[in-house]
């Protein structure tokens, strides 16, 4: 796969008794996580504006710490409303 081509990243998030699945096409895992964090509709989940801001900041902090030295699978676990939002990320290969 060309390093400059977009890849499909699958996000599986367990939070507050529910599982949320989403996918993003980006060139890097960092870009994919940023897209995921930006796209979350935390207001619909009942989160306050300050909680949403804190959550997105914590996600970006964890990017630098937790995704180093992994190949094609990652996990981040920021808190949202005092509950862990455990998120598994898989580089998804689409057969040609």
N, C-alpha and C. Protein backbone atom coordinates (compact mmCIF):
# COMPACT_ATOMS: atom_id res chain seq x y z
N UNK A 1 0.84 -1.17 0.00
CA UNK A 1 0.00 0.00 0.00
C UNK A 1 0.89 1.24 0.00
N UNK A 2 0.62 2.15 -0.87
CA UNK A 2 1.37 3.39 -0.97
C UNK A 2 1.20 4.21 0.32
N UNK A 3 2.32 4.68 0.87
CA UNK A 3 2.27 5.44 2.12
C UNK A 3 1.49 6.74 1.99
N UNK A 4 1.36 7.26 0.78
CA UNK A 4 0.63 8.51 0.58
C UNK A 4 -0.85 8.29 0.32
N UNK A 5 -1.26 7.04 0.15
CA UNK A 5 -2.67 6.78 -0.11
C UNK A 5 -3.44 6.72 1.21
N UNK A 6 -4.72 7.00 1.12
CA UNK A 6 -5.55 6.95 2.31
C UNK A 6 -5.84 5.49 2.67
N UNK A 7 -5.87 5.24 3.97
CA UNK A 7 -6.14 3.90 4.49
C UNK A 7 -7.44 3.97 5.28
N UNK A 8 -8.07 2.83 5.44
CA UNK A 8 -9.32 2.77 6.18
C UNK A 8 -9.04 2.32 7.62
N UNK A 9 -9.40 3.17 8.58
CA UNK A 9 -9.24 2.86 9.99
C UNK A 9 -10.62 2.62 10.60
N UNK A 10 -10.77 1.51 11.31
CA UNK A 10 -12.02 1.18 11.98
C UNK A 10 -11.87 1.45 13.47
N UNK A 11 -12.82 2.18 14.04
CA UNK A 11 -12.83 2.53 15.46
C UNK A 11 -13.97 1.79 16.14
N UNK A 12 -13.65 1.06 17.20
CA UNK A 12 -14.65 0.33 17.98
C UNK A 12 -14.55 0.86 19.41
N UNK A 13 -15.57 1.58 19.83
CA UNK A 13 -15.55 2.25 21.13
C UNK A 13 -16.60 1.65 22.05
N UNK A 14 -16.15 1.24 23.24
CA UNK A 14 -17.05 0.79 24.29
C UNK A 14 -17.13 1.89 25.32
N UNK A 15 -18.33 2.40 25.54
CA UNK A 15 -18.52 3.48 26.50
C UNK A 15 -19.93 3.42 27.07
N UNK A 16 -20.02 3.48 28.38
CA UNK A 16 -21.29 3.59 29.07
C UNK A 16 -22.28 2.50 28.67
N UNK A 17 -21.78 1.28 28.52
CA UNK A 17 -22.64 0.14 28.20
C UNK A 17 -23.02 0.00 26.74
N UNK A 18 -22.45 0.82 25.88
CA UNK A 18 -22.77 0.76 24.45
C UNK A 18 -21.49 0.59 23.64
N UNK A 19 -21.65 0.08 22.44
CA UNK A 19 -20.54 -0.06 21.50
C UNK A 19 -20.83 0.82 20.29
N UNK A 20 -19.84 1.63 19.93
CA UNK A 20 -19.96 2.53 18.79
C UNK A 20 -18.87 2.17 17.78
N UNK A 21 -19.25 2.02 16.52
CA UNK A 21 -18.29 1.67 15.48
C UNK A 21 -18.33 2.75 14.40
N UNK A 22 -17.14 3.17 14.00
CA UNK A 22 -17.05 4.16 12.92
C UNK A 22 -15.78 3.90 12.12
N UNK A 23 -15.74 4.45 10.92
CA UNK A 23 -14.58 4.27 10.04
C UNK A 23 -14.21 5.60 9.41
N UNK A 24 -12.89 5.78 9.22
CA UNK A 24 -12.36 6.99 8.60
C UNK A 24 -11.25 6.63 7.65
N UNK A 25 -11.21 7.31 6.52
CA UNK A 25 -10.11 7.15 5.58
C UNK A 25 -9.15 8.31 5.77
N UNK A 26 -7.94 7.98 6.15
CA UNK A 26 -6.89 8.98 6.34
C UNK A 26 -5.55 8.36 5.96
N UNK A 27 -4.54 9.19 5.87
CA UNK A 27 -3.20 8.71 5.51
C UNK A 27 -2.46 8.12 6.71
N UNK A 28 -2.72 8.65 7.92
CA UNK A 28 -1.99 8.19 9.11
C UNK A 28 -2.95 7.93 10.25
N UNK A 29 -2.48 7.17 11.23
CA UNK A 29 -3.28 6.89 12.42
C UNK A 29 -3.58 8.19 13.18
N UNK A 30 -2.64 9.09 13.25
CA UNK A 30 -2.85 10.36 13.95
C UNK A 30 -3.98 11.15 13.30
N UNK A 31 -3.98 11.21 11.97
CA UNK A 31 -5.04 11.91 11.26
C UNK A 31 -6.39 11.22 11.48
N UNK A 32 -6.39 9.89 11.49
CA UNK A 32 -7.63 9.15 11.70
C UNK A 32 -8.19 9.40 13.09
N UNK A 33 -7.34 9.40 14.11
CA UNK A 33 -7.80 9.65 15.47
C UNK A 33 -8.32 11.07 15.60
N UNK A 34 -7.66 12.01 14.96
CA UNK A 34 -8.13 13.39 15.00
C UNK A 34 -9.51 13.50 14.35
N UNK A 35 -9.71 12.82 13.22
CA UNK A 35 -11.02 12.82 12.55
C UNK A 35 -12.08 12.20 13.44
N UNK A 36 -11.73 11.09 14.10
CA UNK A 36 -12.67 10.41 14.99
C UNK A 36 -13.07 11.33 16.15
N UNK A 37 -12.07 11.92 16.81
CA UNK A 37 -12.35 12.79 17.97
C UNK A 37 -13.17 14.00 17.56
N UNK A 38 -12.89 14.53 16.39
CA UNK A 38 -13.62 15.70 15.90
C UNK A 38 -15.06 15.36 15.53
N UNK A 39 -15.27 14.15 15.02
CA UNK A 39 -16.60 13.77 14.53
C UNK A 39 -17.55 13.31 15.63
N UNK A 40 -17.02 13.00 16.81
CA UNK A 40 -17.90 12.50 17.87
C UNK A 40 -18.97 13.52 18.22
N UNK A 41 -20.19 13.06 18.26
CA UNK A 41 -21.30 13.92 18.64
C UNK A 41 -21.52 13.77 20.14
N UNK A 42 -20.60 14.35 20.91
CA UNK A 42 -20.65 14.20 22.36
C UNK A 42 -21.84 14.95 22.96
N UNK A 43 -22.31 15.96 22.27
CA UNK A 43 -23.49 16.67 22.77
C UNK A 43 -24.70 15.72 22.77
N UNK A 44 -24.82 14.90 21.73
CA UNK A 44 -25.92 13.93 21.66
C UNK A 44 -25.81 12.90 22.79
N UNK A 45 -24.60 12.67 23.27
CA UNK A 45 -24.41 11.73 24.37
C UNK A 45 -24.67 12.38 25.72
N UNK A 46 -25.02 13.66 25.72
CA UNK A 46 -25.36 14.34 26.95
C UNK A 46 -24.18 14.98 27.65
N UNK A 47 -23.08 15.12 26.97
CA UNK A 47 -21.89 15.71 27.58
C UNK A 47 -21.95 17.23 27.54
N UNK A 48 -21.40 17.84 28.56
CA UNK A 48 -21.34 19.29 28.60
C UNK A 48 -20.25 19.78 27.65
N UNK A 49 -20.29 21.07 27.34
CA UNK A 49 -19.29 21.65 26.44
C UNK A 49 -17.88 21.51 27.02
N UNK A 50 -17.73 21.75 28.31
CA UNK A 50 -16.40 21.63 28.93
C UNK A 50 -15.93 20.17 28.93
N UNK A 51 -16.83 19.23 29.13
CA UNK A 51 -16.47 17.81 29.10
C UNK A 51 -16.04 17.40 27.69
N UNK A 52 -16.74 17.90 26.67
CA UNK A 52 -16.37 17.59 25.28
C UNK A 52 -14.97 18.12 24.97
N UNK A 53 -14.69 19.33 25.41
CA UNK A 53 -13.37 19.93 25.16
C UNK A 53 -12.28 19.13 25.87
N UNK A 54 -12.53 18.79 27.13
CA UNK A 54 -11.56 18.00 27.90
C UNK A 54 -11.33 16.65 27.25
N UNK A 55 -12.40 15.99 26.81
CA UNK A 55 -12.29 14.68 26.18
C UNK A 55 -11.40 14.76 24.94
N UNK A 56 -11.65 15.72 24.09
CA UNK A 56 -10.87 15.83 22.85
C UNK A 56 -9.41 16.17 23.14
N UNK A 57 -9.16 16.97 24.16
CA UNK A 57 -7.77 17.26 24.55
C UNK A 57 -7.08 16.01 25.06
N UNK A 58 -7.77 15.22 25.88
CA UNK A 58 -7.19 13.99 26.42
C UNK A 58 -6.90 12.98 25.30
N UNK A 59 -7.79 12.90 24.32
CA UNK A 59 -7.56 12.00 23.18
C UNK A 59 -6.27 12.41 22.47
N UNK A 60 -6.11 13.68 22.22
CA UNK A 60 -4.92 14.14 21.50
C UNK A 60 -3.64 13.92 22.32
N UNK A 61 -3.73 14.04 23.65
CA UNK A 61 -2.58 13.73 24.49
C UNK A 61 -2.21 12.26 24.40
N UNK A 62 -3.20 11.39 24.38
CA UNK A 62 -2.95 9.96 24.33
C UNK A 62 -2.38 9.51 23.00
N UNK A 63 -2.69 10.24 21.95
CA UNK A 63 -2.15 9.89 20.63
C UNK A 63 -0.64 9.79 20.71
N UNK A 64 -0.02 10.80 21.28
CA UNK A 64 1.45 10.84 21.34
C UNK A 64 2.01 9.74 22.20
N UNK A 65 1.29 9.33 23.22
CA UNK A 65 1.81 8.36 24.18
C UNK A 65 1.53 6.92 23.76
N UNK A 66 0.32 6.64 23.32
CA UNK A 66 -0.13 5.26 23.19
C UNK A 66 0.00 4.62 21.82
N UNK A 67 0.23 5.39 20.78
CA UNK A 67 0.22 4.74 19.47
C UNK A 67 1.60 4.44 18.93
N UNK A 68 2.63 4.77 19.67
CA UNK A 68 3.98 4.49 19.19
C UNK A 68 4.26 2.99 19.22
N UNK A 69 5.03 2.52 18.26
CA UNK A 69 5.51 1.14 18.21
C UNK A 69 4.41 0.10 18.07
N UNK A 70 3.32 0.45 17.45
CA UNK A 70 2.27 -0.53 17.18
C UNK A 70 2.09 -0.64 15.67
N UNK A 71 1.63 -1.78 15.23
CA UNK A 71 1.42 -2.00 13.81
C UNK A 71 -0.02 -2.43 13.57
N UNK A 72 -0.78 -1.59 12.94
CA UNK A 72 -2.12 -1.90 12.44
C UNK A 72 -3.20 -2.10 13.50
N UNK A 73 -2.88 -1.96 14.78
CA UNK A 73 -3.91 -2.02 15.81
C UNK A 73 -3.46 -1.17 17.00
N UNK A 74 -4.40 -0.40 17.54
CA UNK A 74 -4.09 0.52 18.62
C UNK A 74 -5.25 0.54 19.59
N UNK A 75 -5.01 1.10 20.77
CA UNK A 75 -6.08 1.28 21.76
C UNK A 75 -5.83 2.58 22.51
N UNK A 76 -6.87 3.38 22.65
CA UNK A 76 -6.80 4.56 23.49
C UNK A 76 -7.97 4.46 24.47
N UNK A 77 -7.82 5.09 25.63
CA UNK A 77 -8.87 4.95 26.64
C UNK A 77 -9.05 6.23 27.46
N UNK A 78 -9.51 7.29 26.81
CA UNK A 78 -9.79 8.52 27.55
C UNK A 78 -11.08 8.39 28.36
N UNK A 79 -11.24 9.23 29.36
CA UNK A 79 -12.47 9.27 30.15
C UNK A 79 -13.47 10.22 29.51
N UNK A 80 -14.73 9.86 29.56
CA UNK A 80 -15.82 10.70 29.11
C UNK A 80 -16.91 10.59 30.17
N UNK A 81 -17.25 11.71 30.80
CA UNK A 81 -18.25 11.72 31.87
C UNK A 81 -17.92 10.67 32.94
N UNK A 82 -16.66 10.62 33.35
CA UNK A 82 -16.17 9.72 34.40
C UNK A 82 -16.27 8.23 34.03
N UNK A 83 -16.43 7.92 32.76
CA UNK A 83 -16.45 6.54 32.27
C UNK A 83 -15.35 6.40 31.22
N UNK A 84 -14.63 5.28 31.27
CA UNK A 84 -13.63 5.04 30.23
C UNK A 84 -14.31 4.87 28.88
N UNK A 85 -13.76 5.49 27.88
CA UNK A 85 -14.21 5.31 26.50
C UNK A 85 -13.12 4.47 25.81
N UNK A 86 -13.16 3.18 26.01
CA UNK A 86 -12.13 2.30 25.48
C UNK A 86 -12.35 2.17 23.97
N UNK A 87 -11.33 2.58 23.22
CA UNK A 87 -11.45 2.60 21.77
C UNK A 87 -10.33 1.80 21.14
N UNK A 88 -10.73 0.77 20.41
CA UNK A 88 -9.78 -0.04 19.64
C UNK A 88 -9.80 0.47 18.21
N UNK A 89 -8.62 0.58 17.63
CA UNK A 89 -8.51 1.09 16.26
C UNK A 89 -7.76 0.05 15.45
N UNK A 90 -8.32 -0.30 14.31
CA UNK A 90 -7.73 -1.33 13.46
C UNK A 90 -7.56 -0.75 12.06
N UNK A 91 -6.36 -0.90 11.53
CA UNK A 91 -6.14 -0.56 10.12
C UNK A 91 -6.81 -1.65 9.32
N UNK A 92 -7.88 -1.30 8.62
CA UNK A 92 -8.71 -2.28 7.94
C UNK A 92 -8.26 -2.41 6.49
N UNK A 93 -7.97 -3.62 6.08
CA UNK A 93 -7.53 -3.86 4.71
C UNK A 93 -8.75 -4.21 3.86
N UNK A 94 -8.88 -3.50 2.76
CA UNK A 94 -9.96 -3.77 1.84
C UNK A 94 -9.40 -4.57 0.67
N UNK A 95 -9.92 -5.78 0.43
CA UNK A 95 -9.37 -6.58 -0.69
C UNK A 95 -9.64 -5.89 -2.02
N UNK A 96 -8.68 -6.01 -2.91
CA UNK A 96 -8.83 -5.40 -4.24
C UNK A 96 -9.77 -6.20 -5.10
